[in-house]
Amino acid sequence: MEPEEETRVAKRKEDSPVRDSAVPLFSINPTLRFVWAGYILTAAAAFLIVAFLSILLPAVSPIIFVVIGLLFLLIPVYFHARQKLSRYTLTADKLEIDHGLISRTTTSIPLTRVQDVTVKCTITQRLLGLGDIIVDNAGTDGDRLVFANIDRPRKYADILLEQVQKKAGDRF
């Protein structure tokens, strides 16, 4: 009688890196620099409006003018929420774009479909170290994805291009 053969499981070498496609290489939001500037400008404008209306209409309670001034702060709050609720994430296999609070939209693009990555900076963005990352993909409608007002855009564009090149090298 012959001995039974054992079933053996191949084990990964300890020094070989584990590539998890769900781990983000980066996850970024648009910058909040313009939002903070909006808070400052809106607070100054609200203060001036409250002071002007208090002088112009002394018979009306100043509390009403303060409430009106505080309502102006809802403008930068809206833009703050909009910026914080946009997220761009790069994993080993795909690029994900999330937008929205109540109605959430997630767009996933496989890296094999990314054709071009462009960094565009206006003069104001260049002075502030910001820029837009434009991603062309090979979808049926040939959409362009724009990551607007990103801090250090070249850094993230380089990471994205490097990952796209790795993915293209894996296919061949």
Protein backbone atom coordinates (compact mmCIF):
# COMPACT_ATOMS: atom_id res chain seq x y z
CA MET A 1 0.00 0.00 0.00
CA GLU A 2 1.31 3.42 -0.97
CA PRO A 3 1.19 6.41 1.41
CA GLU A 4 -1.41 9.11 0.64
CA GLU A 5 -0.25 12.28 -1.01
CA GLU A 6 -0.55 15.39 1.06
CA THR A 7 -2.24 18.45 -0.26
CA ARG A 8 0.12 21.34 0.08
CA VAL A 9 -0.69 25.01 -0.03
CA ALA A 10 1.82 27.33 -1.64
CA LYS A 11 2.91 29.99 0.81
CA ARG A 12 3.89 33.51 -0.14
CA LYS A 13 7.43 34.50 0.65
CA GLU A 14 7.62 36.89 3.56
CA ASP A 15 9.62 39.48 1.62
CA SER A 16 7.21 39.70 -1.34
CA PRO A 17 4.86 42.67 -1.14
CA VAL A 18 1.15 42.08 -0.88
CA ARG A 19 -0.74 44.16 -3.41
CA ASP A 20 -4.18 45.03 -2.13
CA SER A 21 -6.29 46.78 -4.75
CA ALA A 22 -8.61 48.29 -2.12
CA VAL A 23 -5.92 50.23 -0.26
CA PRO A 24 -5.90 53.84 -1.46
CA LEU A 25 -2.64 55.24 -2.81
CA PHE A 26 -4.09 58.68 -2.22
CA SER A 27 -7.43 60.17 -1.28
CA ILE A 28 -7.81 63.94 -1.69
CA ASN A 29 -10.40 66.70 -1.50
CA PRO A 30 -10.38 70.07 -3.24
CA THR A 31 -8.58 72.75 -1.23
CA LEU A 32 -10.41 74.83 1.35
CA ARG A 33 -8.20 77.93 0.91
CA PHE A 34 -10.86 79.78 -1.08
CA VAL A 35 -13.54 78.75 1.40
CA TRP A 36 -11.56 80.18 4.33
CA ALA A 37 -11.07 83.41 2.38
CA GLY A 38 -14.83 83.42 1.80
CA TYR A 39 -15.47 83.06 5.54
CA ILE A 40 -13.25 86.06 6.27
CA LEU A 41 -14.78 88.25 3.56
CA THR A 42 -18.33 87.26 4.48
CA ALA A 43 -17.73 87.94 8.18
CA ALA A 44 -16.32 91.38 7.35
CA ALA A 45 -19.25 92.14 5.01
CA ALA A 46 -21.78 90.94 7.60
CA PHE A 47 -20.18 93.15 10.26
CA LEU A 48 -20.34 96.18 7.95
CA ILE A 49 -23.95 95.48 6.99
CA VAL A 50 -24.99 95.15 10.66
CA ALA A 51 -23.20 98.41 11.53
CA PHE A 52 -24.66 100.25 8.52
CA LEU A 53 -28.23 99.06 9.13
CA SER A 54 -27.97 99.85 12.86
CA ILE A 55 -26.99 103.41 12.05
CA LEU A 56 -29.53 103.78 9.23
CA LEU A 57 -32.47 102.27 11.14
CA PRO A 58 -31.94 102.96 14.87
CA ALA A 59 -35.58 102.19 15.74
CA VAL A 60 -35.22 98.51 14.74
CA SER A 61 -33.69 96.07 17.19
CA PRO A 62 -30.00 95.33 16.41
CA ILE A 63 -30.64 91.61 17.05
CA ILE A 64 -32.51 91.44 13.74
CA PHE A 65 -29.49 92.89 11.92
CA VAL A 66 -27.15 90.43 13.64
CA VAL A 67 -29.35 87.53 12.48
CA ILE A 68 -29.28 88.94 8.93
CA GLY A 69 -25.49 89.22 9.16
CA LEU A 70 -25.21 85.62 10.37
CA LEU A 71 -27.34 84.44 7.46
CA PHE A 72 -24.63 85.73 5.12
CA LEU A 73 -22.28 83.12 6.62
CA LEU A 74 -24.44 80.41 5.04
CA ILE A 75 -22.79 81.21 1.69
CA PRO A 76 -19.28 80.01 2.63
CA VAL A 77 -20.79 77.16 4.68
CA TYR A 78 -22.44 75.89 1.48
CA PHE A 79 -19.13 75.99 -0.43
CA HIS A 80 -17.30 74.40 2.51
CA ALA A 81 -19.71 71.46 2.52
CA ARG A 82 -19.48 71.14 -1.25
CA GLN A 83 -15.68 70.98 -1.14
CA LYS A 84 -15.61 68.48 1.74
CA LEU A 85 -18.15 66.22 0.05
CA SER A 86 -16.00 65.73 -3.06
CA ARG A 87 -13.31 63.07 -2.77
CA TYR A 88 -10.88 61.69 -5.34
CA THR A 89 -9.33 58.31 -4.51
CA LEU A 90 -6.69 56.31 -6.37
CA THR A 91 -6.26 52.60 -5.66
CA ALA A 92 -4.02 50.08 -7.40
CA ASP A 93 -6.75 49.27 -9.95
CA LYS A 94 -9.09 52.24 -10.27
CA LEU A 95 -9.76 55.91 -9.81
CA GLU A 96 -12.88 56.80 -7.80
CA ILE A 97 -14.70 60.11 -7.67
CA ASP A 98 -17.32 60.62 -4.93
CA HIS A 99 -19.69 63.62 -4.82
CA GLY A 100 -22.76 64.49 -2.80
CA LEU A 101 -24.34 64.32 0.63
CA ILE A 102 -27.90 63.12 0.37
CA SER A 103 -27.66 61.95 -3.22
CA ARG A 104 -24.21 60.38 -3.49
CA THR A 105 -22.57 59.70 -6.87
CA THR A 106 -19.51 57.48 -7.16
CA THR A 107 -17.71 57.13 -10.47
CA SER A 108 -15.10 54.39 -10.83
CA ILE A 109 -12.68 54.34 -13.74
CA PRO A 110 -10.36 51.39 -14.26
CA LEU A 111 -6.78 52.59 -14.66
CA THR A 112 -6.55 50.67 -17.92
CA ARG A 113 -8.97 53.21 -19.42
CA VAL A 114 -7.01 56.33 -18.40
CA GLN A 115 -5.45 57.84 -21.53
CA ASP A 116 -3.99 61.14 -20.39
CA VAL A 117 -3.38 63.11 -17.20
CA THR A 118 -2.91 66.88 -17.46
CA VAL A 119 -2.17 69.47 -14.77
CA LYS A 120 -3.61 72.90 -15.50
CA CYS A 121 -2.88 75.96 -13.33
CA THR A 122 -4.13 79.49 -13.75
CA ILE A 123 -1.88 82.29 -12.55
CA THR A 124 -3.83 82.59 -9.29
CA GLN A 125 -3.60 78.84 -8.73
CA ARG A 126 0.15 78.90 -9.42
CA LEU A 127 0.67 81.63 -6.84
CA LEU A 128 -1.23 79.57 -4.26
CA GLY A 129 0.32 76.19 -5.16
CA LEU A 130 -2.96 74.81 -6.52
CA GLY A 131 -4.10 73.38 -9.81
CA ASP A 132 -6.58 71.23 -11.67
CA ILE A 133 -5.88 67.63 -12.64
CA ILE A 134 -7.61 66.67 -15.88
CA VAL A 135 -7.98 62.94 -16.59
CA ASP A 136 -8.98 61.77 -20.07
CA ASN A 137 -10.45 58.30 -20.16
CA ALA A 138 -11.31 55.87 -22.94
CA GLY A 139 -14.98 55.64 -22.04
CA THR A 140 -17.75 55.47 -24.60
CA ASP A 141 -18.47 59.18 -24.28
CA GLY A 142 -14.81 60.24 -23.94
CA ASP A 143 -15.39 62.14 -20.71
CA ARG A 144 -12.81 64.29 -19.02
CA LEU A 145 -12.67 64.26 -15.26
CA VAL A 146 -11.51 67.46 -13.63
CA PHE A 147 -10.20 67.47 -10.08
CA ALA A 148 -10.54 71.20 -9.38
CA ASN A 149 -8.35 73.21 -6.99
CA ILE A 150 -6.08 70.46 -5.70
CA ASP A 151 -3.12 71.28 -3.44
CA ARG A 152 0.18 70.13 -5.01
CA PRO A 153 -1.51 68.81 -8.20
CA ARG A 154 1.71 67.71 -9.90
CA LYS A 155 2.50 65.32 -7.02
CA TYR A 156 -0.86 63.57 -7.36
CA ALA A 157 -0.75 63.58 -11.17
CA ASP A 158 2.68 61.88 -11.03
CA ILE A 159 1.37 59.22 -8.64
CA LEU A 160 -1.61 58.62 -10.93
CA LEU A 161 0.57 58.40 -14.06
CA GLU A 162 2.98 56.02 -12.33
CA GLN A 163 0.10 53.74 -11.35
CA VAL A 164 -1.37 53.89 -14.89
CA GLN A 165 2.03 52.89 -16.32
CA LYS A 166 2.32 50.01 -13.85
CA LYS A 167 -1.15 48.83 -14.81
CA ALA A 168 -0.29 49.05 -18.54
CA GLY A 169 2.90 47.06 -17.89
CA ASP A 170 0.90 44.36 -16.05
CA ARG A 171 -1.31 43.83 -19.10
CA PHE A 172 1.58 42.96 -21.37
